[in-house]
Amino acid sequence: MKLEFSGKGISITLSPWRIPMSRERKQVPAPDKLAILKKYLVEKVPLSDLCDQHGLQPSQIYYWQSQLFEHGAGVFERKPGRQGKQAETLKDRQISQLEAQLAQKDAKLAQKNEVISELMEENVRSKKANGEL
């Protein structure tokens, strides 16, 4: 968009002001973010000094601060450690007990099948001997 105005020997040309987007976004690693926040919050280093030193905007540091306070509780949550291992060993014991019970039942079923098979054979032999077959 271009706007031109001329009158009484004065000429003005207005064009939209554009900021060249040649700068790349600065990627700051998480440990560096935490160190900057520590300097700001704990060591009370002025925000302007930190911004000048690291080439950041104050809004970026404020954003990191809000993220820290919103998601910082995760640091203090209990993680499955010792209790998780105990639960796993309990589960493993239960699984091995169930597998043992299953093996016993399979063996008992196989024994019953063998007894039934023997009885059927004996029944067939007796029917043949009596002439029923």
Protein backbone atom coordinates (compact mmCIF):
# COMPACT_ATOMS: atom_id res chain seq x y z
CA MET A 1 0.00 0.00 0.00
CA LYS A 2 1.39 3.33 -0.99
CA LEU A 3 -0.14 6.68 -0.19
CA GLU A 4 1.16 9.84 -1.85
CA PHE A 5 0.27 13.39 -0.97
CA SER A 6 1.59 16.45 -2.68
CA GLY A 7 0.59 20.02 -2.30
CA LYS A 8 2.20 23.47 -2.06
CA GLY A 9 5.61 22.11 -2.91
CA ILE A 10 5.56 19.34 -0.32
CA SER A 11 5.53 15.68 -1.36
CA ILE A 12 4.98 12.90 1.17
CA THR A 13 5.03 9.21 0.37
CA LEU A 14 3.77 6.75 2.96
CA SER A 15 4.37 3.07 2.67
CA PRO A 16 3.79 0.32 5.22
CA TRP A 17 6.67 -0.16 7.57
CA ARG A 18 8.07 -3.66 7.44
CA ILE A 19 10.48 -5.38 9.73
CA PRO A 20 12.82 -7.63 7.83
CA MET A 21 12.46 -11.22 9.06
CA SER A 22 16.09 -12.11 8.62
CA ARG A 23 16.65 -13.05 12.26
CA GLU A 24 16.20 -16.67 13.17
CA ARG A 25 14.45 -17.69 16.34
CA LYS A 26 16.81 -18.20 19.21
CA GLN A 27 16.70 -21.72 20.60
CA VAL A 28 17.56 -21.74 24.29
CA PRO A 29 18.18 -25.13 25.90
CA ALA A 30 16.17 -26.00 29.02
CA PRO A 31 19.14 -25.91 31.42
CA ASP A 32 20.01 -22.41 30.19
CA LYS A 33 16.42 -21.27 30.67
CA LEU A 34 16.50 -22.55 34.23
CA ALA A 35 19.83 -20.83 34.90
CA ILE A 36 18.47 -17.52 33.59
CA LEU A 37 15.34 -17.84 35.72
CA LYS A 38 17.47 -18.66 38.75
CA LYS A 39 19.54 -15.52 38.22
CA TYR A 40 16.36 -13.48 37.90
CA LEU A 41 14.37 -14.98 40.77
CA VAL A 42 16.98 -16.06 43.30
CA GLU A 43 20.02 -13.90 42.67
CA LYS A 44 17.83 -10.84 41.89
CA VAL A 45 19.76 -9.91 38.73
CA PRO A 46 17.82 -7.13 36.94
CA LEU A 47 15.71 -8.36 34.06
CA SER A 48 17.14 -5.76 31.70
CA ASP A 49 20.67 -7.02 32.37
CA LEU A 50 19.66 -10.61 31.66
CA CYS A 51 17.89 -9.61 28.46
CA ASP A 52 20.90 -7.65 27.22
CA GLN A 53 23.30 -10.40 28.21
CA HIS A 54 21.38 -13.21 26.48
CA GLY A 55 19.68 -11.31 23.66
CA LEU A 56 16.16 -11.99 24.91
CA GLN A 57 12.94 -10.08 25.33
CA PRO A 58 11.50 -9.62 28.84
CA SER A 59 8.26 -11.26 27.74
CA GLN A 60 10.20 -14.45 26.95
CA ILE A 61 11.60 -14.64 30.47
CA TYR A 62 8.16 -13.94 31.94
CA TYR A 63 6.76 -16.76 29.79
CA TRP A 64 9.42 -19.17 31.05
CA GLN A 65 8.61 -18.11 34.60
CA SER A 66 4.91 -18.85 34.11
CA GLN A 67 5.76 -22.25 32.59
CA LEU A 68 7.99 -23.05 35.55
CA PHE A 69 5.28 -22.20 38.07
CA GLU A 70 2.53 -24.00 36.13
CA HIS A 71 4.43 -27.22 35.49
CA GLY A 72 6.97 -27.19 38.31
CA ALA A 73 4.81 -29.38 40.56
CA GLY A 74 5.76 -32.37 38.41
CA VAL A 75 9.21 -32.27 39.97
CA PHE A 76 7.76 -33.11 43.38
CA GLU A 77 5.38 -35.87 42.26
CA ARG A 78 6.22 -39.40 43.35
CA LYS A 79 7.69 -41.49 40.64
CA PRO A 80 7.43 -45.27 40.51
CA GLY A 81 10.62 -46.21 42.24
CA ARG A 82 10.83 -48.49 45.16
CA GLN A 83 7.07 -48.95 45.46
CA GLY A 84 6.80 -49.58 41.74
CA LYS A 85 9.42 -52.30 41.97
CA GLN A 86 7.61 -53.91 44.88
CA ALA A 87 4.38 -53.88 42.91
CA GLU A 88 6.15 -55.48 39.95
CA THR A 89 7.58 -58.26 42.11
CA LEU A 90 4.13 -58.84 43.63
CA LYS A 91 2.65 -59.09 40.15
CA ASP A 92 5.42 -61.44 39.09
CA ARG A 93 4.72 -63.69 42.11
CA GLN A 94 0.99 -63.70 41.33
CA ILE A 95 1.69 -64.57 37.71
CA SER A 96 3.97 -67.44 38.68
CA GLN A 97 1.35 -68.76 41.17
CA LEU A 98 -1.35 -68.63 38.49
CA GLU A 99 0.94 -70.39 36.02
CA ALA A 100 1.61 -73.12 38.61
CA GLN A 101 -2.13 -73.56 39.22
CA LEU A 102 -2.71 -73.77 35.47
CA ALA A 103 -0.01 -76.43 35.12
CA GLN A 104 -1.61 -78.46 37.95
CA LYS A 105 -5.03 -78.26 36.32
CA ASP A 106 -3.57 -79.25 32.95
CA ALA A 107 -1.92 -82.28 34.55
CA LYS A 108 -5.16 -83.23 36.31
CA LEU A 109 -7.10 -82.89 33.05
CA ALA A 110 -4.57 -85.04 31.21
CA GLN A 111 -4.89 -87.73 33.93
CA LYS A 112 -8.70 -87.66 33.64
CA ASN A 113 -8.47 -87.97 29.86
CA GLU A 114 -6.16 -90.99 30.27
CA VAL A 115 -8.55 -92.67 32.73
CA ILE A 116 -11.51 -92.05 30.41
CA SER A 117 -9.52 -93.47 27.51
CA GLU A 118 -8.65 -96.63 29.47
CA LEU A 119 -12.28 -97.08 30.56
CA MET A 120 -13.47 -96.69 26.98
CA GLU A 121 -10.96 -99.30 25.78
CA GLU A 122 -12.05 -101.72 28.51
CA ASN A 123 -15.71 -101.12 27.65
CA VAL A 124 -15.08 -101.83 23.96
CA ARG A 125 -13.16 -105.06 24.82
CA SER A 126 -15.97 -106.30 27.07
CA LYS A 127 -18.61 -105.57 24.41
CA LYS A 128 -16.54 -107.49 21.85
CA ALA A 129 -16.17 -110.40 24.25
CA ASN A 130 -19.93 -110.51 24.85
CA GLY A 131 -20.64 -110.23 21.12
CA GLU A 132 -22.36 -106.88 21.34
CA LEU A 133 -19.99 -105.38 18.76
